[in-house]
Protein backbone atom coordinates (compact mmCIF):
# COMPACT_ATOMS: atom_id res chain seq x y z
CA UNK A 1 0.00 0.00 0.00
CA UNK A 2 2.79 2.34 0.84
CA UNK A 3 4.22 1.71 -2.59
CA UNK A 4 0.89 2.80 -4.11
CA UNK A 5 0.89 6.12 -2.20
CA UNK A 6 4.48 6.70 -3.21
CA UNK A 7 3.48 6.23 -6.85
CA UNK A 8 0.52 8.60 -6.45
CA UNK A 9 2.76 11.19 -4.85
CA UNK A 10 4.70 11.48 -8.14
CA UNK A 11 1.93 10.72 -10.62
CA UNK A 12 -0.78 13.17 -9.46
CA UNK A 13 1.45 16.28 -9.59
CA UNK A 14 2.76 15.13 -12.98
CA UNK A 15 -0.78 14.76 -14.29
CA UNK A 16 -1.74 18.19 -12.96
CA UNK A 17 1.29 19.79 -14.63
CA UNK A 18 0.54 17.91 -17.86
CA UNK A 19 -3.15 18.93 -17.83
CA UNK A 20 -2.25 22.56 -17.13
CA UNK A 21 0.36 22.64 -19.90
CA UNK A 22 -2.07 20.93 -22.30
CA UNK A 23 -4.88 23.42 -21.58
CA UNK A 24 -2.58 26.45 -21.85
CA UNK A 25 -1.09 25.19 -25.11
CA UNK A 26 -4.54 24.39 -26.50
CA UNK A 27 -5.82 27.88 -25.64
CA UNK A 28 -2.75 29.46 -27.22
CA UNK A 29 -3.06 27.42 -30.43
CA UNK A 30 -6.81 28.14 -30.65
CA UNK A 31 -6.13 31.86 -30.29
CA UNK A 32 -3.45 31.67 -33.00
CA UNK A 33 -5.87 29.82 -35.28
CA UNK A 34 -8.57 32.45 -34.70
CA UNK A 35 -6.11 35.24 -35.42
CA UNK A 36 -4.98 33.60 -38.65
CA UNK A 37 -8.60 32.98 -39.62
CA UNK A 38 -9.56 36.63 -39.02
CA UNK A 39 -6.52 37.86 -40.96
CA UNK A 40 -7.48 35.62 -43.89
CA UNK A 41 -11.07 36.83 -43.85
CA UNK A 42 -9.92 40.44 -43.71
CA UNK A 43 -7.47 39.88 -46.58
CA UNK A 44 -10.11 38.12 -48.68
CA UNK A 45 -12.63 40.84 -47.86
CA UNK A 46 -10.24 43.48 -49.16
CA UNK A 47 -9.70 41.44 -52.34
CA UNK A 48 -13.40 40.94 -53.02
CA UNK A 49 -14.44 44.59 -52.75
CA UNK A 50 -12.86 45.54 -56.10
CA UNK A 51 -14.51 42.53 -57.73
CA UNK A 52 -17.90 43.52 -56.30
CA UNK A 53 -17.44 47.09 -57.50
CA UNK A 54 -16.61 45.81 -60.98
CA UNK A 55 -19.83 43.80 -60.90
CA UNK A 56 -21.78 46.93 -59.98
CA UNK A 57 -20.07 48.80 -62.82
CA UNK A 58 -20.99 46.05 -65.31
CA UNK A 59 -24.62 46.04 -64.15
CA UNK A 60 -24.77 49.83 -64.27
CA UNK A 61 -23.49 49.73 -67.84
CA UNK A 62 -26.01 47.01 -68.68
CA UNK A 63 -28.87 49.14 -67.34
CA UNK A 64 -27.66 52.18 -69.27
CA UNK A 65 -27.43 50.14 -72.46
CA UNK A 66 -30.86 48.68 -71.74
CA UNK A 67 -32.56 52.08 -71.67
CA UNK A 68 -34.88 52.20 -74.63
CA UNK A 69 -33.51 55.42 -76.10
CA UNK A 70 -29.92 54.15 -75.86
CA UNK A 71 -30.85 50.81 -77.40
CA UNK A 72 -32.76 52.46 -80.25
CA UNK A 73 -29.96 54.91 -81.00
CA UNK A 74 -27.32 52.19 -80.85
CA UNK A 75 -29.09 49.71 -83.13
CA UNK A 76 -31.33 51.65 -85.50
CA UNK A 77 -30.33 52.28 -89.08
CA UNK A 78 -32.33 54.03 -91.82
CA UNK A 79 -33.24 50.93 -93.82
CA UNK A 80 -34.52 48.86 -90.91
CA UNK A 81 -38.07 47.61 -90.70
CA UNK A 82 -40.06 47.47 -87.48
CA UNK A 83 -39.47 43.74 -87.31
CA UNK A 84 -35.72 44.17 -87.82
CA UNK A 85 -35.37 46.84 -85.14
CA UNK A 86 -37.59 45.02 -82.67
CA UNK A 87 -35.72 41.75 -83.18
CA UNK A 88 -32.29 43.34 -82.96
CA UNK A 89 -33.21 45.21 -79.76
CA UNK A 90 -34.65 42.12 -78.08
CA UNK A 91 -31.64 40.02 -79.06
CA UNK A 92 -29.18 42.73 -78.00
CA UNK A 93 -30.67 43.08 -74.54
CA UNK A 94 -30.93 39.32 -74.06
CA UNK A 95 -27.30 38.80 -75.10
CA UNK A 96 -26.12 41.62 -72.86
CA UNK A 97 -28.09 40.07 -69.99
CA UNK A 98 -26.55 36.66 -70.59
CA UNK A 99 -23.11 38.25 -70.76
CA UNK A 100 -23.69 39.73 -67.28
CA UNK A 101 -25.19 36.65 -65.63
CA UNK A 102 -21.99 35.97 -63.68
CA UNK A 103 -22.43 39.30 -61.86
CA UNK A 104 -25.27 37.61 -59.98
CA UNK A 105 -22.60 36.03 -57.80
CA UNK A 106 -21.44 39.39 -56.44
CA UNK A 107 -24.67 41.28 -55.81
CA UNK A 108 -27.58 40.73 -53.45
CA UNK A 109 -30.50 38.60 -54.55
CA UNK A 110 -32.82 41.61 -54.21
CA UNK A 111 -30.68 43.66 -56.58
CA UNK A 112 -30.56 40.79 -59.04
CA UNK A 113 -34.36 40.57 -58.94
CA UNK A 114 -34.52 44.27 -59.78
CA UNK A 115 -32.14 43.73 -62.72
CA UNK A 116 -34.25 40.84 -64.03
CA UNK A 117 -37.49 42.80 -63.62
CA UNK A 118 -35.95 45.73 -65.47
CA UNK A 119 -34.83 43.50 -68.31
CA UNK A 120 -38.22 41.79 -68.58
CA UNK A 121 -40.11 45.10 -68.39
CA UNK A 122 -37.92 46.62 -71.11
CA UNK A 123 -38.34 43.58 -73.36
CA UNK A 124 -42.12 43.67 -72.83
CA UNK A 125 -42.33 47.37 -73.71
CA UNK A 126 -40.29 46.85 -76.86
CA UNK A 127 -42.26 43.80 -77.88
CA UNK A 128 -45.72 45.20 -77.14
CA UNK A 129 -44.95 48.52 -78.82
CA UNK A 130 -43.65 46.73 -81.88
CA UNK A 131 -46.85 44.72 -82.17
CA UNK A 132 -48.77 47.96 -82.84
CA UNK A 133 -46.91 48.50 -86.12
CA UNK A 134 -46.80 46.61 -89.40
CA UNK A 135 -43.63 44.48 -89.19
CA UNK A 136 -42.57 45.53 -92.71
CA UNK A 137 -42.92 49.31 -92.14
CA UNK A 138 -39.92 51.54 -91.75
CA UNK A 139 -38.72 51.50 -88.11
CA UNK A 140 -38.69 55.30 -87.74
CA UNK A 141 -42.20 55.59 -86.26
CA UNK A 142 -41.63 52.61 -84.02
CA UNK A 143 -38.36 54.10 -82.74
CA UNK A 144 -40.01 57.48 -82.16
CA UNK A 145 -42.91 55.89 -80.27
CA UNK A 146 -40.49 53.99 -78.02
CA UNK A 147 -38.50 57.12 -77.23
CA UNK A 148 -41.66 59.16 -76.56
CA UNK A 149 -42.95 56.39 -74.30
CA UNK A 150 -39.70 56.38 -72.35
CA UNK A 151 -39.66 60.18 -72.06
CA UNK A 152 -43.24 60.21 -70.79
CA UNK A 153 -42.23 58.13 -67.79
CA UNK A 154 -40.91 60.02 -64.79
CA UNK A 155 -38.43 57.28 -63.94
CA UNK A 156 -37.95 54.21 -66.08
CA UNK A 157 -37.33 50.81 -64.57
CA UNK A 158 -33.75 51.13 -65.80
CA UNK A 159 -33.40 54.38 -63.82
CA UNK A 160 -34.73 52.64 -60.71
CA UNK A 161 -32.33 49.72 -61.24
CA UNK A 162 -29.42 52.16 -61.61
CA UNK A 163 -30.45 53.85 -58.39
CA UNK A 164 -30.59 50.45 -56.61
CA UNK A 165 -27.13 49.53 -57.94
CA UNK A 166 -25.70 52.81 -56.70
CA UNK A 167 -27.27 52.36 -53.27
CA UNK A 168 -25.90 48.84 -52.84
CA UNK A 169 -22.45 49.82 -54.12
CA UNK A 170 -22.45 52.76 -51.71
CA UNK A 171 -22.77 50.31 -48.82
CA UNK A 172 -19.56 48.56 -49.87
CA UNK A 173 -17.73 51.82 -50.45
CA UNK A 174 -18.61 53.02 -46.96
CA UNK A 175 -17.42 49.81 -45.31
CA UNK A 176 -14.16 49.68 -47.27
């Protein structure tokens, strides 16, 4: 029995020292891991802000190009028919939209919904306005009616989308 107590006399303090050292080392390593993790997040956050701002720039450009007057002026030529202009505008906006689909990754889902609604609204206006004209007529009257329609609106959906893009981008600029 005495031999057992002698063994405990050396083992218990050793176990206490070991447990203390283990806990202190574990706390230290956990703190180092947390610090490294936070530094990595901060570094990645600084790297992603320029990418997000580029996405906002691309979407802003898309909305500007999607404005009816800009689309008409960019695509219309003198010899176009209503059908030609309508088709080229619808295709142009759809292609531009598809080109910018990857930007969805960098913006909020609400902003992306606004972008999609803007695109769909613009395509509907162009399509419905084009249906009022003979497809083989010269596109001048169709183009004029689209521009007048856009000018009669206080704020177009593209203007509202641009405003939403600016507001969301402003949030990232203020936190940077």
